[in-house]
Every structure is written in C-alpha cells, then in structure tokens.
ModelCIF file with pLDDT and N, C-alpha, C, O atoms, coordinates in Angstrom:
data_MODEL
#
_entry.id   MODEL 
#
_entity.id                         1 
_entity.type                       polymer 
_entity.pdbx_number_of_molecules   1 
#
_entity_poly.entity_id                      1 
_entity_poly.type                           'polypeptide(L)' 
_entity_poly.nstd_linkage                   no 
_entity_poly.nstd_monomer                   no 
_entity_poly.pdbx_seq_one_letter_code       FAVVPKVAGLAVLIKFMFIPFSNILSEWQLIIIFISIASMILGAVAAI 
_entity_poly.pdbx_seq_one_letter_code_can   FAVVPKVAGLAVLIKFMFIPFSNILSEWQLIIIFISIASMILGAVAAI 
_entity_poly.pdbx_strand_id                 A 
#
loop_
_entity_poly_seq.entity_id 
_entity_poly_seq.num 
_entity_poly_seq.mon_id 
_entity_poly_seq.hetero 
1 1  PHE n 
1 2  ALA n 
1 3  VAL n 
1 4  VAL n 
1 5  PRO n 
1 6  LYS n 
1 7  VAL n 
1 8  ALA n 
1 9  GLY n 
1 10 LEU n 
1 11 ALA n 
1 12 VAL n 
1 13 LEU n 
1 14 ILE n 
1 15 LYS n 
1 16 PHE n 
1 17 MET n 
1 18 PHE n 
1 19 ILE n 
1 20 PRO n 
1 21 PHE n 
1 22 SER n 
1 23 ASN n 
1 24 ILE n 
1 25 LEU n 
1 26 SER n 
1 27 GLU n 
1 28 TRP n 
1 29 GLN n 
1 30 LEU n 
1 31 ILE n 
1 32 ILE n 
1 33 ILE n 
1 34 PHE n 
1 35 ILE n 
1 36 SER n 
1 37 ILE n 
1 38 ALA n 
1 39 SER n 
1 40 MET n 
1 41 ILE n 
1 42 LEU n 
1 43 GLY n 
1 44 ALA n 
1 45 VAL n 
1 46 ALA n 
1 47 ALA n 
1 48 ILE n 
#
_struct_asym.id          A 
_struct_asym.entity_id   1 
#
loop_
_ma_qa_metric.id 
_ma_qa_metric.mode 
_ma_qa_metric.name 
_ma_qa_metric.software_group_id 
_ma_qa_metric.type 
1 global pLDDT . pLDDT 
2 local  pLDDT . pLDDT 
#
_ma_qa_metric_global.metric_id      1 
_ma_qa_metric_global.metric_value   89.38 
_ma_qa_metric_global.model_id       1 
_ma_qa_metric_global.ordinal_id     1 
#
loop_
_ma_qa_metric_local.label_asym_id 
_ma_qa_metric_local.label_comp_id 
_ma_qa_metric_local.label_seq_id 
_ma_qa_metric_local.metric_id 
_ma_qa_metric_local.metric_value 
_ma_qa_metric_local.model_id 
_ma_qa_metric_local.ordinal_id 
A PHE 1  2 89.00 1 1  
A ALA 2  2 89.00 1 2  
A VAL 3  2 90.00 1 3  
A VAL 4  2 91.00 1 4  
A PRO 5  2 91.00 1 5  
A LYS 6  2 91.00 1 6  
A VAL 7  2 92.00 1 7  
A ALA 8  2 92.00 1 8  
A GLY 9  2 91.00 1 9  
A LEU 10 2 92.00 1 10 
A ALA 11 2 92.00 1 11 
A VAL 12 2 93.00 1 12 
A LEU 13 2 92.00 1 13 
A ILE 14 2 92.00 1 14 
A LYS 15 2 91.00 1 15 
A PHE 16 2 90.00 1 16 
A MET 17 2 89.00 1 17 
A PHE 18 2 88.00 1 18 
A ILE 19 2 86.00 1 19 
A PRO 20 2 87.00 1 20 
A PHE 21 2 86.00 1 21 
A SER 22 2 83.00 1 22 
A ASN 23 2 83.00 1 23 
A ILE 24 2 83.00 1 24 
A LEU 25 2 82.00 1 25 
A SER 26 2 83.00 1 26 
A GLU 27 2 84.00 1 27 
A TRP 28 2 87.00 1 28 
A GLN 29 2 89.00 1 29 
A LEU 30 2 90.00 1 30 
A ILE 31 2 90.00 1 31 
A ILE 32 2 91.00 1 32 
A ILE 33 2 92.00 1 33 
A PHE 34 2 92.00 1 34 
A ILE 35 2 92.00 1 35 
A SER 36 2 93.00 1 36 
A ILE 37 2 93.00 1 37 
A ALA 38 2 93.00 1 38 
A SER 39 2 92.00 1 39 
A MET 40 2 93.00 1 40 
A ILE 41 2 93.00 1 41 
A LEU 42 2 92.00 1 42 
A GLY 43 2 89.00 1 43 
A ALA 44 2 89.00 1 44 
A VAL 45 2 90.00 1 45 
A ALA 46 2 87.00 1 46 
A ALA 47 2 85.00 1 47 
A ILE 48 2 86.00 1 48 
#
loop_
_atom_site.group_PDB 
_atom_site.id 
_atom_site.type_symbol 
_atom_site.label_atom_id 
_atom_site.label_alt_id 
_atom_site.label_comp_id 
_atom_site.label_asym_id 
_atom_site.label_entity_id 
_atom_site.label_seq_id 
_atom_site.pdbx_PDB_ins_code 
_atom_site.Cartn_x 
_atom_site.Cartn_y 
_atom_site.Cartn_z 
_atom_site.occupancy 
_atom_site.B_iso_or_equiv 
_atom_site.pdbx_formal_charge 
_atom_site.auth_seq_id 
_atom_site.auth_comp_id 
_atom_site.auth_asym_id 
_atom_site.auth_atom_id 
_atom_site.pdbx_PDB_model_num 
ATOM 1   N N  . PHE A 1 1  ? 39.773 1.710  53.398 1.00 89.00 ? 1  PHE A N  1 
ATOM 2   C CA . PHE A 1 1  ? 40.026 3.001  52.746 1.00 89.00 ? 1  PHE A CA 1 
ATOM 3   C C  . PHE A 1 1  ? 40.086 2.860  51.228 1.00 89.00 ? 1  PHE A C  1 
ATOM 4   O O  . PHE A 1 1  ? 39.597 3.720  50.495 1.00 89.00 ? 1  PHE A O  1 
ATOM 5   N N  . ALA A 1 2  ? 40.689 1.766  50.765 1.00 89.00 ? 2  ALA A N  1 
ATOM 6   C CA . ALA A 1 2  ? 40.914 1.585  49.336 1.00 89.00 ? 2  ALA A CA 1 
ATOM 7   C C  . ALA A 1 2  ? 39.642 1.270  48.572 1.00 89.00 ? 2  ALA A C  1 
ATOM 8   O O  . ALA A 1 2  ? 39.585 1.454  47.356 1.00 89.00 ? 2  ALA A O  1 
ATOM 9   N N  . VAL A 1 3  ? 38.624 0.799  49.271 1.00 90.00 ? 3  VAL A N  1 
ATOM 10  C CA . VAL A 1 3  ? 37.433 0.308  48.583 1.00 90.00 ? 3  VAL A CA 1 
ATOM 11  C C  . VAL A 1 3  ? 36.193 1.166  48.868 1.00 90.00 ? 3  VAL A C  1 
ATOM 12  O O  . VAL A 1 3  ? 35.657 1.801  47.960 1.00 90.00 ? 3  VAL A O  1 
ATOM 13  N N  . VAL A 1 4  ? 35.744 1.186  50.116 1.00 91.00 ? 4  VAL A N  1 
ATOM 14  C CA . VAL A 1 4  ? 34.407 1.701  50.419 1.00 91.00 ? 4  VAL A CA 1 
ATOM 15  C C  . VAL A 1 4  ? 34.267 3.217  50.257 1.00 91.00 ? 4  VAL A C  1 
ATOM 16  O O  . VAL A 1 4  ? 33.344 3.650  49.568 1.00 91.00 ? 4  VAL A O  1 
ATOM 17  N N  . PRO A 1 5  ? 35.140 4.055  50.858 1.00 91.00 ? 5  PRO A N  1 
ATOM 18  C CA . PRO A 1 5  ? 34.973 5.504  50.662 1.00 91.00 ? 5  PRO A CA 1 
ATOM 19  C C  . PRO A 1 5  ? 35.089 5.933  49.207 1.00 91.00 ? 5  PRO A C  1 
ATOM 20  O O  . PRO A 1 5  ? 34.503 6.940  48.808 1.00 91.00 ? 5  PRO A O  1 
ATOM 21  N N  . LYS A 1 6  ? 35.853 5.166  48.398 1.00 91.00 ? 6  LYS A N  1 
ATOM 22  C CA . LYS A 1 6  ? 35.978 5.485  46.967 1.00 91.00 ? 6  LYS A CA 1 
ATOM 23  C C  . LYS A 1 6  ? 34.616 5.359  46.280 1.00 91.00 ? 6  LYS A C  1 
ATOM 24  O O  . LYS A 1 6  ? 34.265 6.173  45.426 1.00 91.00 ? 6  LYS A O  1 
ATOM 25  N N  . VAL A 1 7  ? 33.856 4.334  46.664 1.00 92.00 ? 7  VAL A N  1 
ATOM 26  C CA . VAL A 1 7  ? 32.526 4.113  46.073 1.00 92.00 ? 7  VAL A CA 1 
ATOM 27  C C  . VAL A 1 7  ? 31.612 5.294  46.383 1.00 92.00 ? 7  VAL A C  1 
ATOM 28  O O  . VAL A 1 7  ? 30.971 5.845  45.489 1.00 92.00 ? 7  VAL A O  1 
ATOM 29  N N  . ALA A 1 8  ? 31.559 5.678  47.665 1.00 92.00 ? 8  ALA A N  1 
ATOM 30  C CA . ALA A 1 8  ? 30.700 6.795  48.076 1.00 92.00 ? 8  ALA A CA 1 
ATOM 31  C C  . ALA A 1 8  ? 31.158 8.104  47.434 1.00 92.00 ? 8  ALA A C  1 
ATOM 32  O O  . ALA A 1 8  ? 30.338 8.910  46.995 1.00 92.00 ? 8  ALA A O  1 
ATOM 33  N N  . GLY A 1 9  ? 32.490 8.309  47.383 1.00 91.00 ? 9  GLY A N  1 
ATOM 34  C CA . GLY A 1 9  ? 33.026 9.539  46.807 1.00 91.00 ? 9  GLY A CA 1 
ATOM 35  C C  . GLY A 1 9  ? 32.679 9.683  45.337 1.00 91.00 ? 9  GLY A C  1 
ATOM 36  O O  . GLY A 1 9  ? 32.287 10.762 44.893 1.00 91.00 ? 9  GLY A O  1 
ATOM 37  N N  . LEU A 1 10 ? 32.821 8.597  44.573 1.00 92.00 ? 10 LEU A N  1 
ATOM 38  C CA . LEU A 1 10 ? 32.494 8.661  43.147 1.00 92.00 ? 10 LEU A CA 1 
ATOM 39  C C  . LEU A 1 10 ? 30.998 8.843  42.930 1.00 92.00 ? 10 LEU A C  1 
ATOM 40  O O  . LEU A 1 10 ? 30.582 9.541  42.006 1.00 92.00 ? 10 LEU A O  1 
ATOM 41  N N  . ALA A 1 11 ? 30.184 8.212  43.786 1.00 92.00 ? 11 ALA A N  1 
ATOM 42  C CA . ALA A 1 11 ? 28.726 8.367  43.674 1.00 92.00 ? 11 ALA A CA 1 
ATOM 43  C C  . ALA A 1 11 ? 28.324 9.832  43.832 1.00 92.00 ? 11 ALA A C  1 
ATOM 44  O O  . ALA A 1 11 ? 27.507 10.348 43.070 1.00 92.00 ? 11 ALA A O  1 
ATOM 45  N N  . VAL A 1 12 ? 28.907 10.491 44.827 1.00 93.00 ? 12 VAL A N  1 
ATOM 46  C CA . VAL A 1 12 ? 28.584 11.900 45.084 1.00 93.00 ? 12 VAL A CA 1 
ATOM 47  C C  . VAL A 1 12 ? 29.110 12.781 43.953 1.00 93.00 ? 12 VAL A C  1 
ATOM 48  O O  . VAL A 1 12 ? 28.443 13.727 43.533 1.00 93.00 ? 12 VAL A O  1 
ATOM 49  N N  . LEU A 1 13 ? 30.308 12.466 43.464 1.00 92.00 ? 13 LEU A N  1 
ATOM 50  C CA . LEU A 1 13 ? 30.884 13.246 42.365 1.00 92.00 ? 13 LEU A CA 1 
ATOM 51  C C  . LEU A 1 13 ? 29.981 13.181 41.135 1.00 92.00 ? 13 LEU A C  1 
ATOM 52  O O  . LEU A 1 13 ? 29.709 14.202 40.503 1.00 92.00 ? 13 LEU A O  1 
ATOM 53  N N  . ILE A 1 14 ? 29.517 11.974 40.800 1.00 92.00 ? 14 ILE A N  1 
ATOM 54  C CA . ILE A 1 14 ? 28.610 11.808 39.657 1.00 92.00 ? 14 ILE A CA 1 
ATOM 55  C C  . ILE A 1 14 ? 27.311 12.566 39.907 1.00 92.00 ? 14 ILE A C  1 
ATOM 56  O O  . ILE A 1 14 ? 26.781 13.209 39.001 1.00 92.00 ? 14 ILE A O  1 
ATOM 57  N N  . LYS A 1 15 ? 26.799 12.491 41.130 1.00 91.00 ? 15 LYS A N  1 
ATOM 58  C CA . LYS A 1 15 ? 25.534 13.165 41.446 1.00 91.00 ? 15 LYS A CA 1 
ATOM 59  C C  . LYS A 1 15 ? 25.675 14.679 41.299 1.00 91.00 ? 15 LYS A C  1 
ATOM 60  O O  . LYS A 1 15 ? 24.775 15.329 40.767 1.00 91.00 ? 15 LYS A O  1 
ATOM 61  N N  . PHE A 1 16 ? 26.794 15.254 41.762 1.00 90.00 ? 16 PHE A N  1 
ATOM 62  C CA . PHE A 1 16 ? 27.012 16.698 41.616 1.00 90.00 ? 16 PHE A CA 1 
ATOM 63  C C  . PHE A 1 16 ? 27.091 17.095 40.140 1.00 90.00 ? 16 PHE A C  1 
ATOM 64  O O  . PHE A 1 16 ? 26.529 18.114 39.738 1.00 90.00 ? 16 PHE A O  1 
ATOM 65  N N  . MET A 1 17 ? 27.784 16.293 39.343 1.00 89.00 ? 17 MET A N  1 
ATOM 66  C CA . MET A 1 17 ? 27.922 16.623 37.920 1.00 89.00 ? 17 MET A CA 1 
ATOM 67  C C  . MET A 1 17 ? 26.596 16.442 37.177 1.00 89.00 ? 17 MET A C  1 
ATOM 68  O O  . MET A 1 17 ? 26.295 17.175 36.235 1.00 89.00 ? 17 MET A O  1 
ATOM 69  N N  . PHE A 1 18 ? 25.812 15.461 37.613 1.00 88.00 ? 18 PHE A N  1 
ATOM 70  C CA . PHE A 1 18 ? 24.578 15.112 36.907 1.00 88.00 ? 18 PHE A CA 1 
ATOM 71  C C  . PHE A 1 18 ? 23.406 16.024 37.261 1.00 88.00 ? 18 PHE A C  1 
ATOM 72  O O  . PHE A 1 18 ? 22.523 16.258 36.435 1.00 88.00 ? 18 PHE A O  1 
ATOM 73  N N  . ILE A 1 19 ? 23.400 16.546 38.508 1.00 86.00 ? 19 ILE A N  1 
ATOM 74  C CA . ILE A 1 19 ? 22.243 17.370 38.910 1.00 86.00 ? 19 ILE A CA 1 
ATOM 75  C C  . ILE A 1 19 ? 22.619 18.850 39.046 1.00 86.00 ? 19 ILE A C  1 
ATOM 76  O O  . ILE A 1 19 ? 22.313 19.617 38.133 1.00 86.00 ? 19 ILE A O  1 
ATOM 77  N N  . PRO A 1 20 ? 23.274 19.303 40.147 1.00 87.00 ? 20 PRO A N  1 
ATOM 78  C CA . PRO A 1 20 ? 23.457 20.751 40.290 1.00 87.00 ? 20 PRO A CA 1 
ATOM 79  C C  . PRO A 1 20 ? 24.351 21.385 39.224 1.00 87.00 ? 20 PRO A C  1 
ATOM 80  O O  . PRO A 1 20 ? 24.123 22.530 38.833 1.00 87.00 ? 20 PRO A O  1 
ATOM 81  N N  . PHE A 1 21 ? 25.386 20.643 38.739 1.00 86.00 ? 21 PHE A N  1 
ATOM 82  C CA . PHE A 1 21 ? 26.315 21.247 37.783 1.00 86.00 ? 21 PHE A CA 1 
ATOM 83  C C  . PHE A 1 21 ? 26.071 20.801 36.341 1.00 86.00 ? 21 PHE A C  1 
ATOM 84  O O  . PHE A 1 21 ? 26.930 20.986 35.479 1.00 86.00 ? 21 PHE A O  1 
ATOM 85  N N  . SER A 1 22 ? 24.913 20.220 36.081 1.00 83.00 ? 22 SER A N  1 
ATOM 86  C CA . SER A 1 22 ? 24.647 19.677 34.740 1.00 83.00 ? 22 SER A CA 1 
ATOM 87  C C  . SER A 1 22 ? 24.586 20.760 33.670 1.00 83.00 ? 22 SER A C  1 
ATOM 88  O O  . SER A 1 22 ? 24.874 20.499 32.502 1.00 83.00 ? 22 SER A O  1 
ATOM 89  N N  . ASN A 1 23 ? 24.212 21.971 34.063 1.00 83.00 ? 23 ASN A N  1 
ATOM 90  C CA . ASN A 1 23 ? 24.057 23.049 33.084 1.00 83.00 ? 23 ASN A CA 1 
ATOM 91  C C  . ASN A 1 23 ? 25.328 23.859 32.858 1.00 83.00 ? 23 ASN A C  1 
ATOM 92  O O  . ASN A 1 23 ? 25.329 24.787 32.049 1.00 83.00 ? 23 ASN A O  1 
ATOM 93  N N  . ILE A 1 24 ? 26.412 23.522 33.561 1.00 83.00 ? 24 ILE A N  1 
ATOM 94  C CA . ILE A 1 24 ? 27.684 24.235 33.353 1.00 83.00 ? 24 ILE A CA 1 
ATOM 95  C C  . ILE A 1 24 ? 28.772 23.227 32.982 1.00 83.00 ? 24 ILE A C  1 
ATOM 96  O O  . ILE A 1 24 ? 29.896 23.294 33.479 1.00 83.00 ? 24 ILE A O  1 
ATOM 97  N N  . LEU A 1 25 ? 28.417 22.293 32.101 1.00 82.00 ? 25 LEU A N  1 
ATOM 98  C CA . LEU A 1 25 ? 29.339 21.232 31.681 1.00 82.00 ? 25 LEU A CA 1 
ATOM 99  C C  . LEU A 1 25 ? 30.647 21.801 31.160 1.00 82.00 ? 25 LEU A C  1 
ATOM 100 O O  . LEU A 1 25 ? 31.720 21.304 31.505 1.00 82.00 ? 25 LEU A O  1 
ATOM 101 N N  . SER A 1 26 ? 30.572 22.835 30.333 1.00 83.00 ? 26 SER A N  1 
ATOM 102 C CA . SER A 1 26 ? 31.789 23.379 29.718 1.00 83.00 ? 26 SER A CA 1 
ATOM 103 C C  . SER A 1 26 ? 32.748 23.952 30.757 1.00 83.00 ? 26 SER A C  1 
ATOM 104 O O  . SER A 1 26 ? 33.956 24.007 30.524 1.00 83.00 ? 26 SER A O  1 
ATOM 105 N N  . GLU A 1 27 ? 32.209 24.383 31.915 1.00 84.00 ? 27 GLU A N  1 
ATOM 106 C CA . GLU A 1 27 ? 33.057 24.968 32.962 1.00 84.00 ? 27 GLU A CA 1 
ATOM 107 C C  . GLU A 1 27 ? 33.817 23.901 33.759 1.00 84.00 ? 27 GLU A C  1 
ATOM 108 O O  . GLU A 1 27 ? 34.973 24.112 34.126 1.00 84.00 ? 27 GLU A O  1 
ATOM 109 N N  . TRP A 1 28 ? 33.174 22.755 34.029 1.00 87.00 ? 28 TRP A N  1 
ATOM 110 C CA . TRP A 1 28 ? 33.849 21.757 34.867 1.00 87.00 ? 28 TRP A CA 1 
ATOM 111 C C  . TRP A 1 28 ? 34.498 20.620 34.085 1.00 87.00 ? 28 TRP A C  1 
ATOM 112 O O  . TRP A 1 28 ? 35.289 19.860 34.643 1.00 87.00 ? 28 TRP A O  1 
ATOM 113 N N  . GLN A 1 29 ? 34.173 20.496 32.806 1.00 89.00 ? 29 GLN A N  1 
ATOM 114 C CA . GLN A 1 29 ? 34.681 19.353 32.034 1.00 89.00 ? 29 GLN A CA 1 
ATOM 115 C C  . GLN A 1 29 ? 36.204 19.351 31.943 1.00 89.00 ? 29 GLN A C  1 
ATOM 116 O O  . GLN A 1 29 ? 36.834 18.309 32.129 1.00 89.00 ? 29 GLN A O  1 
ATOM 117 N N  . LEU A 1 30 ? 36.801 20.508 31.657 1.00 90.00 ? 30 LEU A N  1 
ATOM 118 C CA . LEU A 1 30 ? 38.257 20.587 31.536 1.00 90.00 ? 30 LEU A CA 1 
ATOM 119 C C  . LEU A 1 30 ? 38.945 20.278 32.866 1.00 90.00 ? 30 LEU A C  1 
ATOM 120 O O  . LEU A 1 30 ? 40.023 19.683 32.892 1.00 90.00 ? 30 LEU A O  1 
ATOM 121 N N  . ILE A 1 31 ? 38.314 20.687 33.967 1.00 90.00 ? 31 ILE A N  1 
ATOM 122 C CA . ILE A 1 31 ? 38.894 20.409 35.293 1.00 90.00 ? 31 ILE A CA 1 
ATOM 123 C C  . ILE A 1 31 ? 38.938 18.905 35.536 1.00 90.00 ? 31 ILE A C  1 
ATOM 124 O O  . ILE A 1 31 ? 39.959 18.370 35.969 1.00 90.00 ? 31 ILE A O  1 
ATOM 125 N N  . ILE A 1 32 ? 37.823 18.221 35.257 1.00 91.00 ? 32 ILE A N  1 
ATOM 126 C CA . ILE A 1 32 ? 37.763 16.768 35.457 1.00 91.00 ? 32 ILE A CA 1 
ATOM 127 C C  . ILE A 1 32 ? 38.738 16.059 34.520 1.00 91.00 ? 32 ILE A C  1 
ATOM 128 O O  . ILE A 1 32 ? 39.378 15.085 34.916 1.00 91.00 ? 32 ILE A O  1 
ATOM 129 N N  . ILE A 1 33 ? 38.855 16.536 33.287 1.00 92.00 ? 33 ILE A N  1 
ATOM 130 C CA . ILE A 1 33 ? 39.803 15.932 32.342 1.00 92.00 ? 33 ILE A CA 1 
ATOM 131 C C  . ILE A 1 33 ? 41.228 16.049 32.865 1.00 92.00 ? 33 ILE A C  1 
ATOM 132 O O  . ILE A 1 33 ? 41.999 15.091 32.805 1.00 92.00 ? 33 ILE A O  1 
ATOM 133 N N  . PHE A 1 34 ? 41.581 17.242 33.385 1.00 92.00 ? 34 PHE A N  1 
ATOM 134 C CA . PHE A 1 34 ? 42.932 17.436 33.934 1.00 92.00 ? 34 PHE A CA 1 
ATOM 135 C C  . PHE A 1 34 ? 43.181 16.506 35.121 1.00 92.00 ? 34 PHE A C  1 
ATOM 136 O O  . PHE A 1 34 ? 44.225 15.858 35.199 1.00 92.00 ? 34 PHE A O  1 
ATOM 137 N N  . ILE A 1 35 ? 42.218 16.443 36.043 1.00 92.00 ? 35 ILE A N  1 
ATOM 138 C CA . ILE A 1 35 ? 42.362 15.578 37.226 1.00 92.00 ? 35 ILE A CA 1 
ATOM 139 C C  . ILE A 1 35 ? 42.487 14.110 36.799 1.00 92.00 ? 35 ILE A C  1 
ATOM 140 O O  . ILE A 1 35 ? 43.291 13.361 37.356 1.00 92.00 ? 35 ILE A O  1 
ATOM 141 N N  . SER A 1 36 ? 41.696 13.713 35.821 1.00 93.00 ? 36 SER A N  1 
ATOM 142 C CA . SER A 1 36 ? 41.722 12.338 35.323 1.00 93.00 ? 36 SER A CA 1 
ATOM 143 C C  . SER A 1 36 ? 43.088 11.998 34.724 1.00 93.00 ? 36 SER A C  1 
ATOM 144 O O  . SER A 1 36 ? 43.683 10.974 35.058 1.00 93.00 ? 36 SER A O  1 
ATOM 145 N N  . ILE A 1 37 ? 43.577 12.869 33.835 1.00 93.00 ? 37 ILE A N  1 
ATOM 146 C CA . ILE A 1 37 ? 44.869 12.625 33.179 1.00 93.00 ? 37 ILE A CA 1 
ATOM 147 C C  . ILE A 1 37 ? 46.004 12.603 34.202 1.00 93.00 ? 37 ILE A C  1 
ATOM 148 O O  . ILE A 1 37 ? 46.862 11.721 34.167 1.00 93.00 ? 37 ILE A O  1 
ATOM 149 N N  . ALA A 1 38 ? 46.001 13.585 35.119 1.00 93.00 ? 38 ALA A N  1 
ATOM 150 C CA . ALA A 1 38 ? 47.057 13.653 36.138 1.00 93.00 ? 38 ALA A CA 1 
ATOM 151 C C  . ALA A 1 38 ? 47.044 12.410 37.026 1.00 93.00 ? 38 ALA A C  1 
ATOM 152 O O  . ALA A 1 38 ? 48.103 11.895 37.384 1.00 93.00 ? 38 ALA A O  1 
ATOM 153 N N  . SER A 1 39 ? 45.863 11.930 37.380 1.00 92.00 ? 39 SER A N  1 
ATOM 154 C CA . SER A 1 39 ? 45.747 10.736 38.230 1.00 92.00 ? 39 SER A CA 1 
ATOM 155 C C  . SER A 1 39 ? 46.241 9.498  37.503 1.00 92.00 ? 39 SER A C  1 
ATOM 156 O O  . SER A 1 39 ? 46.951 8.676  38.083 1.00 92.00 ? 39 SER A O  1 
ATOM 157 N N  . MET A 1 40 ? 45.866 9.359  36.223 1.00 93.00 ? 40 MET A N  1 
ATOM 158 C CA . MET A 1 40 ? 46.307 8.197  35.451 1.00 93.00 ? 40 MET A CA 1 
ATOM 159 C C  . MET A 1 40 ? 47.826 8.179  35.298 1.00 93.00 ? 40 MET A C  1 
ATOM 160 O O  . MET A 1 40 ? 48.457 7.131  35.436 1.00 93.00 ? 40 MET A O  1 
ATOM 161 N N  . ILE A 1 41 ? 48.411 9.346  35.011 1.00 93.00 ? 41 ILE A N  1 
ATOM 162 C CA . ILE A 1 41 ? 49.864 9.414  34.799 1.00 93.00 ? 41 ILE A CA 1 
ATOM 163 C C  . ILE A 1 41 ? 50.615 9.142  36.098 1.00 93.00 ? 41 ILE A C  1 
ATOM 164 O O  . ILE A 1 41 ? 51.547 8.337  36.119 1.00 93.00 ? 41 ILE A O  1 
ATOM 165 N N  . LEU A 1 42 ? 50.216 9.810  37.182 1.00 92.00 ? 42 LEU A N  1 
ATOM 166 C CA . LEU A 1 42 ? 50.916 9.620  38.457 1.00 92.00 ? 42 LEU A CA 1 
ATOM 167 C C  . LEU A 1 42 ? 50.756 8.183  38.951 1.00 92.00 ? 42 LEU A C  1 
ATOM 168 O O  . LEU A 1 42 ? 51.714 7.576  39.430 1.00 92.00 ? 42 LEU A O  1 
ATOM 169 N N  . GLY A 1 43 ? 49.534 7.637  38.831 1.00 89.00 ? 43 GLY A N  1 
ATOM 170 C CA . GLY A 1 43 ? 49.294 6.272  39.277 1.00 89.00 ? 43 GLY A CA 1 
ATOM 171 C C  . GLY A 1 43 ? 50.132 5.267  38.516 1.00 89.00 ? 43 GLY A C  1 
ATOM 172 O O  . GLY A 1 43 ? 50.537 4.245  39.071 1.00 89.00 ? 43 GLY A O  1 
ATOM 173 N N  . ALA A 1 44 ? 50.403 5.555  37.216 1.00 89.00 ? 44 ALA A N  1 
ATOM 174 C CA . ALA A 1 44 ? 51.191 4.634  36.393 1.00 89.00 ? 44 ALA A CA 1 
ATOM 175 C C  . ALA A 1 44 ? 52.681 4.753  36.676 1.00 89.00 ? 44 ALA A C  1 
ATOM 176 O O  . ALA A 1 44 ? 53.385 3.746  36.755 1.00 89.00 ? 44 ALA A O  1 
ATOM 177 N N  . VAL A 1 45 ? 53.162 5.988  36.830 1.00 90.00 ? 45 VAL A N  1 
ATOM 178 C CA . VAL A 1 45 ? 54.606 6.221  36.948 1.00 90.00 ? 45 VAL A CA 1 
ATOM 179 C C  . VAL A 1 45 ? 55.117 6.009  38.373 1.00 90.00 ? 45 VAL A C  1 
ATOM 180 O O  . VAL A 1 45 ? 56.126 5.335  38.582 1.00 90.00 ? 45 VAL A O  1 
ATOM 181 N N  . ALA A 1 46 ? 54.420 6.585  39.347 1.00 87.00 ? 46 ALA A N  1 
ATOM 182 C CA . ALA A 1 46 ? 54.924 6.560  40.725 1.00 87.00 ? 46 ALA A CA 1 
ATOM 183 C C  . ALA A 1 46 ? 54.934 5.162  41.330 1.00 87.00 ? 46 ALA A C  1 
ATOM 184 O O  . ALA A 1 46 ? 55.743 4.877  42.213 1.00 87.00 ? 46 ALA A O  1 
ATOM 185 N N  . ALA A 1 47 ? 54.047 4.290  40.866 1.00 85.00 ? 47 ALA A N  1 
ATOM 186 C CA . ALA A 1 47 ? 53.970 2.939  41.439 1.00 85.00 ? 47 ALA A CA 1 
ATOM 187 C C  . ALA A 1 47 ? 55.153 2.067  41.028 1.00 85.00 ? 47 ALA A C  1 
ATOM 188 O O  . ALA A 1 47 ? 55.424 1.056  41.676 1.00 85.00 ? 47 ALA A O  1 
ATOM 189 N N  . ILE A 1 48 ? 55.857 2.439  39.969 1.00 86.00 ? 48 ILE A N  1 
ATOM 190 C CA . ILE A 1 48 ? 56.944 1.600  39.444 1.00 86.00 ? 48 ILE A CA 1 
ATOM 191 C C  . ILE A 1 48 ? 58.054 1.400  40.476 1.00 86.00 ? 48 ILE A C  1 
ATOM 192 O O  . ILE A 1 48 ? 59.042 0.721  40.196 1.00 86.00 ? 48 ILE A O  1 
#
C-alpha cells in the first residue's frame, strides 16, 4: 500500500493535470497547493 498504488496514483494525477486539465491551470493550481501544504504539515506534525 505504501509504495505501489502511490506510484500509479501520482502518474494518473500528473496525466490529468498535463492533458485534460492543462488549459485550466489557474483553476486547479490553488487546490493542489492547498492539498500539498496540508499534507506536508499533517505528515510532519502528526507523526511526532
């Protein structure tokens, strides 16, 4: 779970951003930034 599905999931996420959603960057960029920041903060704090 920790390794293989993450690889496939990120591949698909990149593909969606690069092809079908490439022309609406301004609409999804803030969402990805929020998810990224929230994941980094929770991953750092909750693991302590």
